[in-house]
Amino acid sequence: MKLAIIITSDPKNGEEALGRAFNALALAVEAQAKNDEVNVVFAGAGTRWPAEMTKLSNPANGLYNAARPVITGASCGCSAVFGATKDVAACGLPEIKDHALAGTPGLVSIRRYLAEGWQTLVF
């Protein structure tokens, strides 16, 4: 299976947002264990998550570290809009900008995943 997991929930939105991100990473870890092809991408306000999840006190820290091999990066334009560019870089994640869009430095192309037949889930 090819599975694209897009995390857009905003860590500023409390427990519900944490639940989304937590379950997204849990799915990524499970799929990874089953030898599925997995890509985890942070987009929208979700680009704020890596800085939060790298904190040892964050409840998703262990899952984040377990999923790290399949985290492909964060949407460049989204991280710029949501003020997360420096934090994304500090976490060592690449900025993804494979969808050129006027007025932005480029975004992640979610359509690409769909066109290539990936099961695509947005959390």
C-alpha atoms as a PDB file:
ATOM      1  CA  MET A   1       0.000   0.000   0.000  1.00  0.00           C
ATOM      2  CA  LYS A   2       1.094   3.572  -0.679  1.00  0.00           C
ATOM      3  CA  LEU A   3      -0.147   5.863   2.064  1.00  0.00           C
ATOM      4  CA  ALA A   4       0.150   9.669   2.168  1.00  0.00           C
ATOM      5  CA  ILE A   5      -0.662  11.184   5.550  1.00  0.00           C
ATOM      6  CA  ILE A   6      -1.154  14.937   5.550  1.00  0.00           C
ATOM      7  CA  ILE A   7      -1.244  16.633   8.958  1.00  0.00           C
ATOM      8  CA  THR A   8      -3.013  19.999   8.895  1.00  0.00           C
ATOM      9  CA  SER A   9      -4.315  20.285  12.460  1.00  0.00           C
ATOM     10  CA  ASP A  10      -3.038  23.285  14.414  1.00  0.00           C
ATOM     11  CA  PRO A  11      -1.232  22.598  17.697  1.00  0.00           C
ATOM     12  CA  LYS A  12      -2.763  25.823  19.019  1.00  0.00           C
ATOM     13  CA  ASN A  13      -6.200  24.162  18.925  1.00  0.00           C
ATOM     14  CA  GLY A  14      -5.771  21.942  21.971  1.00  0.00           C
ATOM     15  CA  GLU A  15      -6.582  18.306  22.583  1.00  0.00           C
ATOM     16  CA  GLU A  16      -8.650  17.699  19.455  1.00  0.00           C
ATOM     17  CA  ALA A  17      -5.748  18.845  17.270  1.00  0.00           C
ATOM     18  CA  LEU A  18      -3.314  16.730  19.277  1.00  0.00           C
ATOM     19  CA  GLY A  19      -5.622  13.744  18.817  1.00  0.00           C
ATOM     20  CA  ARG A  20      -5.561  14.205  15.044  1.00  0.00           C
ATOM     21  CA  ALA A  21      -1.788  14.496  14.868  1.00  0.00           C
ATOM     22  CA  PHE A  22      -1.294  11.641  17.337  1.00  0.00           C
ATOM     23  CA  ASN A  23      -3.526   9.291  15.325  1.00  0.00           C
ATOM     24  CA  ALA A  24      -1.874  10.338  12.066  1.00  0.00           C
ATOM     25  CA  LEU A  25       1.535   9.390  13.437  1.00  0.00           C
ATOM     26  CA  ALA A  26       0.183   6.166  14.965  1.00  0.00           C
ATOM     27  CA  LEU A  27      -1.112   5.184  11.526  1.00  0.00           C
ATOM     28  CA  ALA A  28       2.251   6.043   9.970  1.00  0.00           C
ATOM     29  CA  VAL A  29       4.108   3.865  12.474  1.00  0.00           C
ATOM     30  CA  GLU A  30       1.677   0.967  11.949  1.00  0.00           C
ATOM     31  CA  ALA A  31       1.925   1.229   8.153  1.00  0.00           C
ATOM     32  CA  GLN A  32       5.701   1.441   8.364  1.00  0.00           C
ATOM     33  CA  ALA A  33       5.733  -1.783  10.429  1.00  0.00           C
ATOM     34  CA  LYS A  34       3.651  -3.490   7.718  1.00  0.00           C
ATOM     35  CA  ASN A  35       6.209  -2.393   5.093  1.00  0.00           C
ATOM     36  CA  ASP A  36       3.806  -0.011   3.386  1.00  0.00           C
ATOM     37  CA  GLU A  37       5.217   2.928   1.468  1.00  0.00           C
ATOM     38  CA  VAL A  38       4.404   5.895   3.699  1.00  0.00           C
ATOM     39  CA  ASN A  39       4.871   9.658   3.408  1.00  0.00           C
ATOM     40  CA  VAL A  40       3.925  11.989   6.248  1.00  0.00           C
ATOM     41  CA  VAL A  41       3.679  15.659   5.327  1.00  0.00           C
ATOM     42  CA  PHE A  42       2.889  18.681   7.461  1.00  0.00           C
ATOM     43  CA  ALA A  43       0.748  21.290   5.687  1.00  0.00           C
ATOM     44  CA  GLY A  44      -1.279  24.349   6.642  1.00  0.00           C
ATOM     45  CA  ALA A  45      -1.158  25.149  10.344  1.00  0.00           C
ATOM     46  CA  GLY A  46       0.160  21.606  10.799  1.00  0.00           C
ATOM     47  CA  THR A  47       3.599  22.940   9.887  1.00  0.00           C
ATOM     48  CA  ARG A  48       3.722  24.138  13.508  1.00  0.00           C
ATOM     49  CA  TRP A  49       3.675  20.542  14.811  1.00  0.00           C
ATOM     50  CA  PRO A  50       7.316  19.502  14.296  1.00  0.00           C
ATOM     51  CA  ALA A  51       8.590  22.146  16.731  1.00  0.00           C
ATOM     52  CA  GLU A  52       6.055  20.951  19.318  1.00  0.00           C
ATOM     53  CA  MET A  53       6.586  17.235  18.763  1.00  0.00           C
ATOM     54  CA  THR A  54      10.351  17.408  19.140  1.00  0.00           C
ATOM     55  CA  LYS A  55       9.848  18.567  22.741  1.00  0.00           C
ATOM     56  CA  LEU A  56      10.349  15.652  25.130  1.00  0.00           C
ATOM     57  CA  SER A  57       7.311  16.812  27.121  1.00  0.00           C
ATOM     58  CA  ASN A  58       4.975  16.480  24.135  1.00  0.00           C
ATOM     59  CA  PRO A  59       2.737  13.383  24.345  1.00  0.00           C
ATOM     60  CA  ALA A  60       3.395  12.678  20.649  1.00  0.00           C
ATOM     61  CA  ASN A  61       7.196  12.892  20.925  1.00  0.00           C
ATOM     62  CA  GLY A  62       7.724   9.115  20.910  1.00  0.00           C
ATOM     63  CA  LEU A  63       5.411   8.638  17.937  1.00  0.00           C
ATOM     64  CA  TYR A  64       7.048  11.535  16.092  1.00  0.00           C
ATOM     65  CA  ASN A  65      10.469   9.938  16.566  1.00  0.00           C
ATOM     66  CA  ALA A  66       9.164   6.518  15.507  1.00  0.00           C
ATOM     67  CA  ALA A  67       7.584   8.016  12.372  1.00  0.00           C
ATOM     68  CA  ARG A  68      10.535  10.265  11.567  1.00  0.00           C
ATOM     69  CA  PRO A  69      11.929   7.973   8.821  1.00  0.00           C
ATOM     70  CA  VAL A  70       8.732   8.465   6.795  1.00  0.00           C
ATOM     71  CA  ILE A  71       8.192  12.161   7.500  1.00  0.00           C
ATOM     72  CA  THR A  72       9.032  13.688   4.139  1.00  0.00           C
ATOM     73  CA  GLY A  73       8.774  17.336   5.138  1.00  0.00           C
ATOM     74  CA  ALA A  74       6.555  20.382   5.423  1.00  0.00           C
ATOM     75  CA  SER A  75       4.823  22.506   2.826  1.00  0.00           C
ATOM     76  CA  CYS A  76       7.104  25.483   2.165  1.00  0.00           C
ATOM     77  CA  GLY A  77       4.360  28.011   1.484  1.00  0.00           C
ATOM     78  CA  CYS A  78       2.340  26.824   4.456  1.00  0.00           C
ATOM     79  CA  SER A  79       5.261  27.078   6.848  1.00  0.00           C
ATOM     80  CA  ALA A  80       5.825  30.653   5.609  1.00  0.00           C
ATOM     81  CA  VAL A  81       2.177  31.633   6.091  1.00  0.00           C
ATOM     82  CA  PHE A  82       1.944  30.048   9.547  1.00  0.00           C
ATOM     83  CA  GLY A  83       5.303  31.349  10.807  1.00  0.00           C
ATOM     84  CA  ALA A  84       6.947  27.949  11.072  1.00  0.00           C
ATOM     85  CA  THR A  85       9.767  28.230   8.506  1.00  0.00           C
ATOM     86  CA  LYS A  86      12.597  28.535  11.052  1.00  0.00           C
ATOM     87  CA  ASP A  87      11.161  25.823  13.281  1.00  0.00           C
ATOM     88  CA  VAL A  88      10.736  23.402  10.376  1.00  0.00           C
ATOM     89  CA  ALA A  89      14.372  23.987   9.392  1.00  0.00           C
ATOM     90  CA  ALA A  90      15.532  23.606  13.002  1.00  0.00           C
ATOM     91  CA  CYS A  91      13.812  20.206  13.109  1.00  0.00           C
ATOM     92  CA  GLY A  92      15.765  19.127  10.036  1.00  0.00           C
ATOM     93  CA  LEU A  93      12.709  18.706   7.825  1.00  0.00           C
ATOM     94  CA  PRO A  94      12.854  19.603   4.150  1.00  0.00           C
ATOM     95  CA  GLU A  95      10.483  22.208   2.784  1.00  0.00           C
ATOM     96  CA  ILE A  96       8.333  20.718   0.050  1.00  0.00           C
ATOM     97  CA  LYS A  97       7.416  22.976  -2.850  1.00  0.00           C
ATOM     98  CA  ASP A  98       6.536  20.675  -5.729  1.00  0.00           C
ATOM     99  CA  HIS A  99       3.358  22.661  -6.514  1.00  0.00           C
ATOM    100  CA  ALA A 100       4.236  26.079  -7.905  1.00  0.00           C
ATOM    101  CA  LEU A 101       1.528  28.545  -6.960  1.00  0.00           C
ATOM    102  CA  ALA A 102       1.629  32.255  -7.687  1.00  0.00           C
ATOM    103  CA  GLY A 103       2.161  34.372  -4.609  1.00  0.00           C
ATOM    104  CA  THR A 104       3.785  31.541  -2.644  1.00  0.00           C
ATOM    105  CA  PRO A 105       7.245  30.004  -2.487  1.00  0.00           C
ATOM    106  CA  GLY A 106       5.560  26.722  -3.481  1.00  0.00           C
ATOM    107  CA  LEU A 107       3.385  24.195  -1.711  1.00  0.00           C
ATOM    108  CA  VAL A 108       3.248  20.454  -1.277  1.00  0.00           C
ATOM    109  CA  SER A 109       1.261  18.876  -4.095  1.00  0.00           C
ATOM    110  CA  ILE A 110      -1.427  16.764  -2.493  1.00  0.00           C
ATOM    111  CA  ARG A 111      -2.849  16.184  -5.969  1.00  0.00           C
ATOM    112  CA  ARG A 112       0.377  14.399  -6.933  1.00  0.00           C
ATOM    113  CA  TYR A 113      -0.278  11.762  -4.297  1.00  0.00           C
ATOM    114  CA  LEU A 114      -3.810  11.249  -5.599  1.00  0.00           C
ATOM    115  CA  ALA A 115      -2.678  11.124  -9.236  1.00  0.00           C
ATOM    116  CA  GLU A 116      -0.044   8.514  -8.359  1.00  0.00           C
ATOM    117  CA  GLY A 117      -2.615   6.287  -6.665  1.00  0.00           C
ATOM    118  CA  TRP A 118      -1.642   6.917  -3.044  1.00  0.00           C
ATOM    119  CA  GLN A 119      -4.276   6.419  -0.366  1.00  0.00           C
ATOM    120  CA  THR A 120      -4.334   9.977   0.947  1.00  0.00           C
ATOM    121  CA  LEU A 121      -5.582  10.897   4.407  1.00  0.00           C
ATOM    122  CA  VAL A 122      -5.765  14.367   5.891  1.00  0.00           C
ATOM    123  CA  PHE A 123      -5.671  14.765   9.673  1.00  0.00           C
END
